[in-house]
Amino acid sequence: MRGSKVVGAGHYQPAKILTNHDLAAMVDTSDEWIRSRVGIRERRIAGPEEALDVMAAEAAAAALRNAGVAAETVDLVVVATCTAADRSPNIAARVARRLGMPSPATIDVNTACSGFTHALAMADGAVRLGSATNAVVIGVERLSDFTDWTDRTTCVLVGDGAGAVVLTAGEEAEISPVVWGSYPEMGEAVVIEGDRKFTQAGQTVYRWATTTLPDIARRICAAAGMTPDDLGGIVLHQANLRIIEPVAQRIGATKAVVARDVTESGNTSAASIPLALSKLLERGELQSGAPVLLLGFGGGLSYAGQIIRCP
């Protein structure tokens, strides 16, 4: 069995910026209230022309450029999203068409906010087993389509965007085994049903995340044969700064760079991890070869995480 590795990342965000001050003119809230509770300053909101497949294709194209991999050599596209309005063709197939990929396998995954790390694990397995050689894994969301803009408890959270990574086969495995699972009895804590709006039991999610995630993170490190002190970076799902910071501290990774993209992007669900990772790489905040913990969590109260080596 061969290995797989991440060789490039890219992202796309809409041009429209919605600040906390903009939201304060729409609902009963304030910049201070939002920052103190979730740590968000602003978020991006997609326009009519920025459909899911458009944003996903832009992020994938950027990742392919950064990886030096041609689109026509991609034989697997996996897209994580929970905001696709159409059932068929799926977003992965639409991305393949936009980028001129001749015949890749095209798969959509919906585990909401943990979708990207689930999708990455699937692509990693396919490359290791020889079912694919070059794979693109994308997280993309238009949560603004499912947002009640009169509800100050949820509308302050969400943002739109996309992030992507490129995987290719290698002699050594540079992606660790995935650690994944769920808490189905708590699945109703985060909900988008039919064409209804996003709702969540915020305190339930907060308590679960801050008490459960540090142990899951340590299990991921153990699966990779590492300790938290070995980590060069931590990219958690960008749900809330009040979750990210205490969880990162409790993991005990004293030398790790911690992604805090939620402050400028909001909660972008399945897009949040690749979006934050791509920005860290673009800014040169992560060294090539550094081990980085990725950990997604959310809808269904599902989770998935692994450690990758930076390209």
C-alpha atoms as a PDB file:
ATOM      1  CA  MET A   1       0.000   0.000   0.000  1.00  0.00           C
ATOM      2  CA  ARG A   2       1.411   3.381  -1.008  1.00  0.00           C
ATOM      3  CA  GLY A   3       1.041   6.663   0.858  1.00  0.00           C
ATOM      4  CA  SER A   4      -0.637   9.939   0.039  1.00  0.00           C
ATOM      5  CA  LYS A   5       0.314  13.521   0.767  1.00  0.00           C
ATOM      6  CA  VAL A   6      -1.088  17.039   0.539  1.00  0.00           C
ATOM      7  CA  VAL A   7       0.842  18.939  -2.136  1.00  0.00           C
ATOM      8  CA  GLY A   8      -1.111  22.185  -2.348  1.00  0.00           C
ATOM      9  CA  ALA A   9      -3.983  24.224  -0.943  1.00  0.00           C
ATOM     10  CA  GLY A  10      -6.145  27.093  -2.152  1.00  0.00           C
ATOM     11  CA  HIS A  11      -9.221  29.066  -1.174  1.00  0.00           C
ATOM     12  CA  TYR A  12     -11.893  31.437  -2.429  1.00  0.00           C
ATOM     13  CA  GLN A  13     -14.012  33.974  -0.565  1.00  0.00           C
ATOM     14  CA  PRO A  14     -16.776  36.232  -1.879  1.00  0.00           C
ATOM     15  CA  ALA A  15     -16.027  39.920  -2.367  1.00  0.00           C
ATOM     16  CA  LYS A  16     -18.859  41.146  -0.144  1.00  0.00           C
ATOM     17  CA  ILE A  17     -17.784  41.760   3.463  1.00  0.00           C
ATOM     18  CA  LEU A  18     -20.459  41.903   6.168  1.00  0.00           C
ATOM     19  CA  THR A  19     -19.087  43.507   9.325  1.00  0.00           C
ATOM     20  CA  ASN A  20     -20.446  43.419  12.845  1.00  0.00           C
ATOM     21  CA  HIS A  21     -21.440  47.058  12.445  1.00  0.00           C
ATOM     22  CA  ASP A  22     -23.452  46.117   9.332  1.00  0.00           C
ATOM     23  CA  LEU A  23     -25.251  43.435  11.346  1.00  0.00           C
ATOM     24  CA  ALA A  24     -25.976  45.919  14.136  1.00  0.00           C
ATOM     25  CA  ALA A  25     -28.023  47.905  11.626  1.00  0.00           C
ATOM     26  CA  MET A  26     -30.045  44.765  10.799  1.00  0.00           C
ATOM     27  CA  VAL A  27     -30.692  43.116  14.188  1.00  0.00           C
ATOM     28  CA  ASP A  28     -30.413  43.929  17.884  1.00  0.00           C
ATOM     29  CA  THR A  29     -26.696  43.326  18.326  1.00  0.00           C
ATOM     30  CA  SER A  30     -23.369  45.165  18.484  1.00  0.00           C
ATOM     31  CA  ASP A  31     -19.742  44.724  17.547  1.00  0.00           C
ATOM     32  CA  GLU A  32     -18.825  44.303  21.231  1.00  0.00           C
ATOM     33  CA  TRP A  33     -21.559  41.693  21.818  1.00  0.00           C
ATOM     34  CA  ILE A  34     -20.475  39.588  18.830  1.00  0.00           C
ATOM     35  CA  ARG A  35     -16.738  39.800  19.530  1.00  0.00           C
ATOM     36  CA  SER A  36     -17.146  38.930  23.193  1.00  0.00           C
ATOM     37  CA  ARG A  37     -19.283  35.851  22.494  1.00  0.00           C
ATOM     38  CA  VAL A  38     -17.868  34.356  19.296  1.00  0.00           C
ATOM     39  CA  GLY A  39     -14.783  36.404  18.396  1.00  0.00           C
ATOM     40  CA  ILE A  40     -15.972  37.287  14.874  1.00  0.00           C
ATOM     41  CA  ARG A  41     -15.260  40.733  13.340  1.00  0.00           C
ATOM     42  CA  GLU A  42     -16.560  40.162   9.824  1.00  0.00           C
ATOM     43  CA  ARG A  43     -17.609  37.485   7.365  1.00  0.00           C
ATOM     44  CA  ARG A  44     -18.001  37.091   3.566  1.00  0.00           C
ATOM     45  CA  ILE A  45     -21.406  36.688   1.920  1.00  0.00           C
ATOM     46  CA  ALA A  46     -21.793  35.169  -1.556  1.00  0.00           C
ATOM     47  CA  GLY A  47     -23.580  37.043  -4.306  1.00  0.00           C
ATOM     48  CA  PRO A  48     -26.008  35.532  -6.836  1.00  0.00           C
ATOM     49  CA  GLU A  49     -23.160  34.762  -9.254  1.00  0.00           C
ATOM     50  CA  GLU A  50     -21.101  32.950  -6.600  1.00  0.00           C
ATOM     51  CA  ALA A  51     -22.803  29.574  -6.652  1.00  0.00           C
ATOM     52  CA  LEU A  52     -21.370  26.654  -4.698  1.00  0.00           C
ATOM     53  CA  ASP A  53     -19.706  25.096  -7.724  1.00  0.00           C
ATOM     54  CA  VAL A  54     -18.243  28.450  -8.777  1.00  0.00           C
ATOM     55  CA  MET A  55     -16.587  28.997  -5.382  1.00  0.00           C
ATOM     56  CA  ALA A  56     -15.509  25.363  -5.148  1.00  0.00           C
ATOM     57  CA  ALA A  57     -13.943  25.448  -8.618  1.00  0.00           C
ATOM     58  CA  GLU A  58     -12.062  28.671  -7.819  1.00  0.00           C
ATOM     59  CA  ALA A  59     -10.635  27.163  -4.620  1.00  0.00           C
ATOM     60  CA  ALA A  60      -9.723  23.930  -6.414  1.00  0.00           C
ATOM     61  CA  ALA A  61      -8.057  25.802  -9.275  1.00  0.00           C
ATOM     62  CA  ALA A  62      -5.949  27.766  -6.776  1.00  0.00           C
ATOM     63  CA  ALA A  63      -4.955  24.554  -4.983  1.00  0.00           C
ATOM     64  CA  LEU A  64      -3.983  22.896  -8.277  1.00  0.00           C
ATOM     65  CA  ARG A  65      -1.848  25.914  -9.252  1.00  0.00           C
ATOM     66  CA  ASN A  66      -0.103  25.902  -5.894  1.00  0.00           C
ATOM     67  CA  ALA A  67       0.463  22.152  -6.155  1.00  0.00           C
ATOM     68  CA  GLY A  68       1.702  22.264  -9.746  1.00  0.00           C
ATOM     69  CA  VAL A  69      -0.823  19.585 -10.692  1.00  0.00           C
ATOM     70  CA  ALA A  70      -2.782  19.751 -13.954  1.00  0.00           C
ATOM     71  CA  ALA A  71      -6.577  19.501 -13.731  1.00  0.00           C
ATOM     72  CA  GLU A  72      -6.668  16.852 -16.461  1.00  0.00           C
ATOM     73  CA  THR A  73      -4.613  14.487 -14.291  1.00  0.00           C
ATOM     74  CA  VAL A  74      -7.131  14.528 -11.407  1.00  0.00           C
ATOM     75  CA  ASP A  75      -8.978  11.236 -11.054  1.00  0.00           C
ATOM     76  CA  LEU A  76     -10.975  11.941  -7.873  1.00  0.00           C
ATOM     77  CA  VAL A  77     -12.920  14.981  -6.659  1.00  0.00           C
ATOM     78  CA  VAL A  78     -14.546  14.900  -3.229  1.00  0.00           C
ATOM     79  CA  VAL A  79     -16.632  17.890  -2.119  1.00  0.00           C
ATOM     80  CA  ALA A  80     -17.846  18.446   1.431  1.00  0.00           C
ATOM     81  CA  THR A  81     -20.936  20.649   1.749  1.00  0.00           C
ATOM     82  CA  CYS A  82     -24.247  20.773   3.586  1.00  0.00           C
ATOM     83  CA  THR A  83     -25.747  23.679   1.619  1.00  0.00           C
ATOM     84  CA  ALA A  84     -26.224  22.215  -1.860  1.00  0.00           C
ATOM     85  CA  ALA A  85     -29.736  22.999  -3.097  1.00  0.00           C
ATOM     86  CA  ASP A  86     -29.746  20.468  -5.948  1.00  0.00           C
ATOM     87  CA  ARG A  87     -29.588  16.699  -5.716  1.00  0.00           C
ATOM     88  CA  SER A  88     -28.023  15.965  -9.114  1.00  0.00           C
ATOM     89  CA  PRO A  89     -25.573  16.587 -10.621  1.00  0.00           C
ATOM     90  CA  ASN A  90     -23.615  16.962  -7.427  1.00  0.00           C
ATOM     91  CA  ILE A  91     -21.155  19.772  -6.741  1.00  0.00           C
ATOM     92  CA  ALA A  92     -18.104  17.566  -7.385  1.00  0.00           C
ATOM     93  CA  ALA A  93     -19.334  16.758 -10.902  1.00  0.00           C
ATOM     94  CA  ARG A  94     -19.963  20.440 -11.594  1.00  0.00           C
ATOM     95  CA  VAL A  95     -16.462  21.323 -10.397  1.00  0.00           C
ATOM     96  CA  ALA A  96     -14.963  18.650 -12.674  1.00  0.00           C
ATOM     97  CA  ARG A  97     -16.845  20.105 -15.636  1.00  0.00           C
ATOM     98  CA  ARG A  98     -15.786  23.670 -14.838  1.00  0.00           C
ATOM     99  CA  LEU A  99     -12.125  22.708 -14.565  1.00  0.00           C
ATOM    100  CA  GLY A 100     -12.062  20.457 -17.622  1.00  0.00           C
ATOM    101  CA  MET A 101     -11.266  17.218 -15.822  1.00  0.00           C
ATOM    102  CA  PRO A 102     -11.886  14.384 -18.309  1.00  0.00           C
ATOM    103  CA  SER A 103     -13.169  11.481 -16.176  1.00  0.00           C
ATOM    104  CA  PRO A 104     -12.673  11.732 -12.409  1.00  0.00           C
ATOM    105  CA  ALA A 105     -14.770   9.997  -9.799  1.00  0.00           C
ATOM    106  CA  THR A 106     -16.991  12.727  -8.293  1.00  0.00           C
ATOM    107  CA  ILE A 107     -18.380  12.426  -4.762  1.00  0.00           C
ATOM    108  CA  ASP A 108     -20.216  14.812  -2.431  1.00  0.00           C
ATOM    109  CA  VAL A 109     -20.049  14.307   1.348  1.00  0.00           C
ATOM    110  CA  ASN A 110     -22.434  15.827   3.889  1.00  0.00           C
ATOM    111  CA  THR A 111     -21.426  15.652   7.510  1.00  0.00           C
ATOM    112  CA  ALA A 112     -21.836  19.414   7.902  1.00  0.00           C
ATOM    113  CA  CYS A 113     -18.955  21.084   9.748  1.00  0.00           C
ATOM    114  CA  SER A 114     -16.838  17.918   9.931  1.00  0.00           C
ATOM    115  CA  GLY A 115     -17.328  17.288   6.218  1.00  0.00           C
ATOM    116  CA  PHE A 116     -13.904  18.309   4.991  1.00  0.00           C
ATOM    117  CA  THR A 117     -11.963  16.010   7.303  1.00  0.00           C
ATOM    118  CA  HIS A 118     -14.314  13.141   6.435  1.00  0.00           C
ATOM    119  CA  ALA A 119     -13.760  13.872   2.727  1.00  0.00           C
ATOM    120  CA  LEU A 120     -10.007  14.075   3.209  1.00  0.00           C
ATOM    121  CA  ALA A 121      -9.996  10.665   4.892  1.00  0.00           C
ATOM    122  CA  MET A 122     -11.954   9.160   1.989  1.00  0.00           C
ATOM    123  CA  ALA A 123      -9.590  10.618  -0.610  1.00  0.00           C
ATOM    124  CA  ASP A 124      -6.533   9.557   1.400  1.00  0.00           C
ATOM    125  CA  GLY A 125      -7.852   5.988   1.511  1.00  0.00           C
ATOM    126  CA  ALA A 126      -8.525   5.974  -2.230  1.00  0.00           C
ATOM    127  CA  VAL A 127      -5.011   7.175  -3.059  1.00  0.00           C
ATOM    128  CA  ARG A 128      -3.370   4.744  -0.642  1.00  0.00           C
ATOM    129  CA  LEU A 129      -5.259   1.823  -2.167  1.00  0.00           C
ATOM    130  CA  GLY A 130      -4.423   2.842  -5.719  1.00  0.00           C
ATOM    131  CA  SER A 131      -7.976   3.789  -6.697  1.00  0.00           C
ATOM    132  CA  ALA A 132      -6.782   7.346  -7.405  1.00  0.00           C
ATOM    133  CA  THR A 133      -3.456   9.063  -7.991  1.00  0.00           C
ATOM    134  CA  ASN A 134      -4.322  12.760  -7.852  1.00  0.00           C
ATOM    135  CA  ALA A 135      -7.318  13.893  -5.811  1.00  0.00           C
ATOM    136  CA  VAL A 136      -8.894  17.249  -5.045  1.00  0.00           C
ATOM    137  CA  VAL A 137     -10.752  17.630  -1.750  1.00  0.00           C
ATOM    138  CA  ILE A 138     -12.957  20.704  -1.332  1.00  0.00           C
ATOM    139  CA  GLY A 139     -15.044  22.223   1.441  1.00  0.00           C
ATOM    140  CA  VAL A 140     -17.586  24.791   0.246  1.00  0.00           C
ATOM    141  CA  GLU A 141     -20.651  26.431   1.792  1.00  0.00           C
ATOM    142  CA  ARG A 142     -23.273  29.120   1.212  1.00  0.00           C
ATOM    143  CA  LEU A 143     -24.656  29.192   4.738  1.00  0.00           C
ATOM    144  CA  SER A 144     -26.132  32.616   4.049  1.00  0.00           C
ATOM    145  CA  ASP A 145     -28.828  30.838   1.999  1.00  0.00           C
ATOM    146  CA  PHE A 146     -30.000  29.054   5.163  1.00  0.00           C
ATOM    147  CA  THR A 147     -29.706  31.923   7.624  1.00  0.00           C
ATOM    148  CA  ASP A 148     -32.493  33.730   9.451  1.00  0.00           C
ATOM    149  CA  TRP A 149     -31.195  37.286   9.262  1.00  0.00           C
ATOM    150  CA  THR A 150     -33.609  38.344  12.020  1.00  0.00           C
ATOM    151  CA  ASP A 151     -32.134  35.868  14.544  1.00  0.00           C
ATOM    152  CA  ARG A 152     -29.171  37.503  16.247  1.00  0.00           C
ATOM    153  CA  THR A 153     -28.018  34.249  17.845  1.00  0.00           C
ATOM    154  CA  THR A 154     -27.263  32.606  14.488  1.00  0.00           C
ATOM    155  CA  CYS A 155     -26.917  35.316  11.827  1.00  0.00           C
ATOM    156  CA  VAL A 156     -23.798  36.708  13.510  1.00  0.00           C
ATOM    157  CA  LEU A 157     -22.020  33.370  13.057  1.00  0.00           C
ATOM    158  CA  VAL A 158     -22.186  32.427   9.406  1.00  0.00           C
ATOM    159  CA  GLY A 159     -20.048  33.102   6.364  1.00  0.00           C
ATOM    160  CA  ASP A 160     -19.608  31.749   2.839  1.00  0.00           C
ATOM    161  CA  GLY A 161     -16.538  30.478   1.031  1.00  0.00           C
ATOM    162  CA  ALA A 162     -14.473  27.536  -0.136  1.00  0.00           C
ATOM    163  CA  GLY A 163     -11.138  25.864   0.525  1.00  0.00           C
ATOM    164  CA  ALA A 164      -9.394  22.965  -1.184  1.00  0.00           C
ATOM    165  CA  VAL A 165      -6.349  20.726  -1.039  1.00  0.00           C
ATOM    166  CA  VAL A 166      -4.670  18.496  -3.619  1.00  0.00           C
ATOM    167  CA  LEU A 167      -3.543  14.986  -2.682  1.00  0.00           C
ATOM    168  CA  THR A 168      -1.182  12.846  -4.670  1.00  0.00           C
ATOM    169  CA  ALA A 169       0.396   9.436  -4.260  1.00  0.00           C
ATOM    170  CA  GLY A 170       3.795   9.102  -2.609  1.00  0.00           C
ATOM    171  CA  GLU A 171       6.135   6.492  -1.214  1.00  0.00           C
ATOM    172  CA  GLU A 172       5.441   7.555   2.383  1.00  0.00           C
ATOM    173  CA  ALA A 173       2.152   8.340   4.111  1.00  0.00           C
ATOM    174  CA  GLU A 174       2.019  12.018   5.052  1.00  0.00           C
ATOM    175  CA  ILE A 175      -1.603  11.872   6.221  1.00  0.00           C
ATOM    176  CA  SER A 176      -2.301   9.988   9.445  1.00  0.00           C
ATOM    177  CA  PRO A 177      -5.146   7.530   9.987  1.00  0.00           C
ATOM    178  CA  VAL A 178      -8.416   9.331  10.583  1.00  0.00           C
ATOM    179  CA  VAL A 179     -10.096   9.311  13.986  1.00  0.00           C
ATOM    180  CA  TRP A 180     -13.819   9.797  13.478  1.00  0.00           C
ATOM    181  CA  GLY A 181     -17.177   9.162  15.057  1.00  0.00           C
ATOM    182  CA  SER A 182     -20.365  10.825  16.255  1.00  0.00           C
ATOM    183  CA  TYR A 183     -22.750  11.389  19.145  1.00  0.00           C
ATOM    184  CA  PRO A 184     -26.106  10.645  17.445  1.00  0.00           C
ATOM    185  CA  GLU A 185     -28.113  11.220  20.625  1.00  0.00           C
ATOM    186  CA  MET A 186     -27.039  14.888  20.398  1.00  0.00           C
ATOM    187  CA  GLY A 187     -27.624  15.163  16.662  1.00  0.00           C
ATOM    188  CA  GLU A 188     -30.441  17.689  16.928  1.00  0.00           C
ATOM    189  CA  ALA A 189     -28.099  20.286  18.432  1.00  0.00           C
ATOM    190  CA  VAL A 190     -27.277  21.591  14.916  1.00  0.00           C
ATOM    191  CA  VAL A 191     -30.047  21.473  12.322  1.00  0.00           C
ATOM    192  CA  ILE A 192     -30.821  22.505   8.730  1.00  0.00           C
ATOM    193  CA  GLU A 193     -33.907  20.598   7.555  1.00  0.00           C
ATOM    194  CA  GLY A 194     -35.452  20.944   4.110  1.00  0.00           C
ATOM    195  CA  ASP A 195     -35.493  24.587   3.094  1.00  0.00           C
ATOM    196  CA  ARG A 196     -35.621  25.771   6.699  1.00  0.00           C
ATOM    197  CA  LYS A 197     -32.999  27.907   8.379  1.00  0.00           C
ATOM    198  CA  PHE A 198     -29.911  26.922  10.342  1.00  0.00           C
ATOM    199  CA  THR A 199     -30.543  26.528  14.073  1.00  0.00           C
ATOM    200  CA  GLN A 200     -28.370  25.253  16.881  1.00  0.00           C
ATOM    201  CA  ALA A 201     -28.331  24.711  20.620  1.00  0.00           C
ATOM    202  CA  GLY A 202     -25.289  26.891  21.144  1.00  0.00           C
ATOM    203  CA  GLN A 203     -24.583  26.083  24.782  1.00  0.00           C
ATOM    204  CA  THR A 204     -24.933  22.349  24.157  1.00  0.00           C
ATOM    205  CA  VAL A 205     -22.414  22.491  21.309  1.00  0.00           C
ATOM    206  CA  TYR A 206     -20.057  24.687  23.341  1.00  0.00           C
ATOM    207  CA  ARG A 207     -20.037  22.352  26.359  1.00  0.00           C
ATOM    208  CA  TRP A 208     -19.622  19.255  24.209  1.00  0.00           C
ATOM    209  CA  ALA A 209     -16.814  20.769  22.145  1.00  0.00           C
ATOM    210  CA  THR A 210     -14.762  22.188  24.999  1.00  0.00           C
ATOM    211  CA  THR A 211     -14.986  19.023  27.102  1.00  0.00           C
ATOM    212  CA  THR A 212     -14.777  16.331  24.385  1.00  0.00           C
ATOM    213  CA  LEU A 213     -12.503  17.656  21.643  1.00  0.00           C
ATOM    214  CA  PRO A 214      -9.202  17.790  23.580  1.00  0.00           C
ATOM    215  CA  ASP A 215      -9.365  14.031  24.201  1.00  0.00           C
ATOM    216  CA  ILE A 216     -10.245  13.374  20.537  1.00  0.00           C
ATOM    217  CA  ALA A 217      -7.276  15.510  19.498  1.00  0.00           C
ATOM    218  CA  ARG A 218      -4.954  13.494  21.711  1.00  0.00           C
ATOM    219  CA  ARG A 219      -6.342  10.282  20.169  1.00  0.00           C
ATOM    220  CA  ILE A 220      -5.514  11.647  16.709  1.00  0.00           C
ATOM    221  CA  CYS A 221      -1.965  12.378  17.831  1.00  0.00           C
ATOM    222  CA  ALA A 222      -1.645   8.838  19.191  1.00  0.00           C
ATOM    223  CA  ALA A 223      -2.950   7.374  15.910  1.00  0.00           C
ATOM    224  CA  ALA A 224      -0.229   9.343  14.116  1.00  0.00           C
ATOM    225  CA  GLY A 225       2.453   8.172  16.544  1.00  0.00           C
ATOM    226  CA  MET A 226       2.937  11.696  17.867  1.00  0.00           C
ATOM    227  CA  THR A 227       2.411  13.768  20.976  1.00  0.00           C
ATOM    228  CA  PRO A 228       0.764  17.210  21.038  1.00  0.00           C
ATOM    229  CA  ASP A 229       4.216  18.767  21.498  1.00  0.00           C
ATOM    230  CA  ASP A 230       5.176  17.471  18.041  1.00  0.00           C
ATOM    231  CA  LEU A 231       2.489  19.562  16.330  1.00  0.00           C
ATOM    232  CA  GLY A 232       3.454  22.581  14.256  1.00  0.00           C
ATOM    233  CA  GLY A 233      -0.116  23.713  13.732  1.00  0.00           C
ATOM    234  CA  ILE A 234      -3.719  23.205  14.817  1.00  0.00           C
ATOM    235  CA  VAL A 235      -6.634  23.891  12.480  1.00  0.00           C
ATOM    236  CA  LEU A 236      -9.943  23.251  14.216  1.00  0.00           C
ATOM    237  CA  HIS A 237     -13.325  23.844  12.640  1.00  0.00           C
ATOM    238  CA  GLN A 238     -13.722  27.611  12.849  1.00  0.00           C
ATOM    239  CA  ALA A 239     -16.982  27.646  14.787  1.00  0.00           C
ATOM    240  CA  ASN A 240     -16.334  30.106  17.595  1.00  0.00           C
ATOM    241  CA  LEU A 241     -13.163  31.649  19.000  1.00  0.00           C
ATOM    242  CA  ARG A 242     -14.403  30.786  22.507  1.00  0.00           C
ATOM    243  CA  ILE A 243     -14.239  27.113  21.469  1.00  0.00           C
ATOM    244  CA  ILE A 244     -11.021  27.253  19.437  1.00  0.00           C
ATOM    245  CA  GLU A 245      -8.799  28.916  22.020  1.00  0.00           C
ATOM    246  CA  PRO A 246      -9.614  26.805  25.108  1.00  0.00           C
ATOM    247  CA  VAL A 247      -9.604  23.548  23.118  1.00  0.00           C
ATOM    248  CA  ALA A 248      -6.227  24.381  21.575  1.00  0.00           C
ATOM    249  CA  GLN A 249      -4.847  25.202  25.014  1.00  0.00           C
ATOM    250  CA  ARG A 250      -6.163  21.971  26.555  1.00  0.00           C
ATOM    251  CA  ILE A 251      -4.638  19.862  23.783  1.00  0.00           C
ATOM    252  CA  GLY A 252      -1.257  20.896  25.146  1.00  0.00           C
ATOM    253  CA  ALA A 253       0.469  21.663  21.817  1.00  0.00           C
ATOM    254  CA  THR A 254       2.781  24.358  23.134  1.00  0.00           C
ATOM    255  CA  LYS A 255       4.643  24.990  19.840  1.00  0.00           C
ATOM    256  CA  ALA A 256       1.678  24.885  17.457  1.00  0.00           C
ATOM    257  CA  VAL A 257       0.348  27.765  15.375  1.00  0.00           C
ATOM    258  CA  VAL A 258      -3.404  27.924  15.998  1.00  0.00           C
ATOM    259  CA  ALA A 259      -5.743  28.961  13.169  1.00  0.00           C
ATOM    260  CA  ARG A 260      -8.098  31.802  14.137  1.00  0.00           C
ATOM    261  CA  ASP A 261      -9.616  32.532  10.742  1.00  0.00           C
ATOM    262  CA  VAL A 262     -13.099  32.626  12.309  1.00  0.00           C
ATOM    263  CA  THR A 263     -12.395  36.251  13.255  1.00  0.00           C
ATOM    264  CA  GLU A 264     -12.444  37.366   9.610  1.00  0.00           C
ATOM    265  CA  SER A 265     -14.434  34.607   7.893  1.00  0.00           C
ATOM    266  CA  GLY A 266     -17.082  33.556  10.413  1.00  0.00           C
ATOM    267  CA  ASN A 267     -18.303  29.964  10.599  1.00  0.00           C
ATOM    268  CA  THR A 268     -18.109  28.531   7.087  1.00  0.00           C
ATOM    269  CA  SER A 269     -18.980  24.954   8.119  1.00  0.00           C
ATOM    270  CA  ALA A 270     -17.259  22.399   5.848  1.00  0.00           C
ATOM    271  CA  ALA A 271     -15.185  25.149   4.198  1.00  0.00           C
ATOM    272  CA  SER A 272     -13.641  26.414   7.415  1.00  0.00           C
ATOM    273  CA  ILE A 273     -10.700  24.019   7.822  1.00  0.00           C
ATOM    274  CA  PRO A 274      -9.308  24.143   4.251  1.00  0.00           C
ATOM    275  CA  LEU A 275      -9.970  27.898   4.122  1.00  0.00           C
ATOM    276  CA  ALA A 276      -8.013  28.517   7.329  1.00  0.00           C
ATOM    277  CA  LEU A 277      -5.258  26.069   6.335  1.00  0.00           C
ATOM    278  CA  SER A 278      -4.808  27.684   2.922  1.00  0.00           C
ATOM    279  CA  LYS A 279      -4.474  31.133   4.479  1.00  0.00           C
ATOM    280  CA  LEU A 280      -1.867  29.960   6.990  1.00  0.00           C
ATOM    281  CA  LEU A 281       0.160  28.418   4.165  1.00  0.00           C
ATOM    282  CA  GLU A 282      -0.245  31.488   1.963  1.00  0.00           C
ATOM    283  CA  ARG A 283       1.073  33.723   4.741  1.00  0.00           C
ATOM    284  CA  GLY A 284       3.996  31.402   5.422  1.00  0.00           C
ATOM    285  CA  GLU A 285       2.944  30.738   9.025  1.00  0.00           C
ATOM    286  CA  LEU A 286       3.372  26.963   8.649  1.00  0.00           C
ATOM    287  CA  GLN A 287       6.676  25.405   7.637  1.00  0.00           C
ATOM    288  CA  SER A 288       6.893  22.817   4.886  1.00  0.00           C
ATOM    289  CA  GLY A 289       6.800  19.359   6.425  1.00  0.00           C
ATOM    290  CA  ALA A 290       5.310  20.574   9.706  1.00  0.00           C
ATOM    291  CA  PRO A 291       2.679  18.240  11.206  1.00  0.00           C
ATOM    292  CA  VAL A 292      -0.699  19.962  11.426  1.00  0.00           C
ATOM    293  CA  LEU A 293      -3.740  18.664  13.275  1.00  0.00           C
ATOM    294  CA  LEU A 294      -7.032  19.054  11.405  1.00  0.00           C
ATOM    295  CA  LEU A 295     -10.188  18.451  13.457  1.00  0.00           C
ATOM    296  CA  GLY A 296     -13.728  19.006  12.222  1.00  0.00           C
ATOM    297  CA  PHE A 297     -16.842  18.792  14.382  1.00  0.00           C
ATOM    298  CA  GLY A 298     -20.479  19.789  14.156  1.00  0.00           C
ATOM    299  CA  GLY A 299     -23.768  18.646  12.626  1.00  0.00           C
ATOM    300  CA  GLY A 300     -25.050  15.266  13.830  1.00  0.00           C
ATOM    301  CA  LEU A 301     -22.457  15.916  16.460  1.00  0.00           C
ATOM    302  CA  SER A 302     -19.995  14.181  14.197  1.00  0.00           C
ATOM    303  CA  TYR A 303     -16.238  14.601  14.265  1.00  0.00           C
ATOM    304  CA  ALA A 304     -13.248  13.592  12.180  1.00  0.00           C
ATOM    305  CA  GLY A 305      -9.599  14.492  12.324  1.00  0.00           C
ATOM    306  CA  GLN A 306      -6.134  13.598  11.130  1.00  0.00           C
ATOM    307  CA  ILE A 307      -2.608  14.995  11.021  1.00  0.00           C
ATOM    308  CA  ILE A 308      -1.108  16.066   7.708  1.00  0.00           C
ATOM    309  CA  ARG A 309       2.383  17.185   6.719  1.00  0.00           C
ATOM    310  CA  CYS A 310       2.400  20.683   5.214  1.00  0.00           C
ATOM    311  CA  PRO A 311       3.302  20.917   1.533  1.00  0.00           C
END
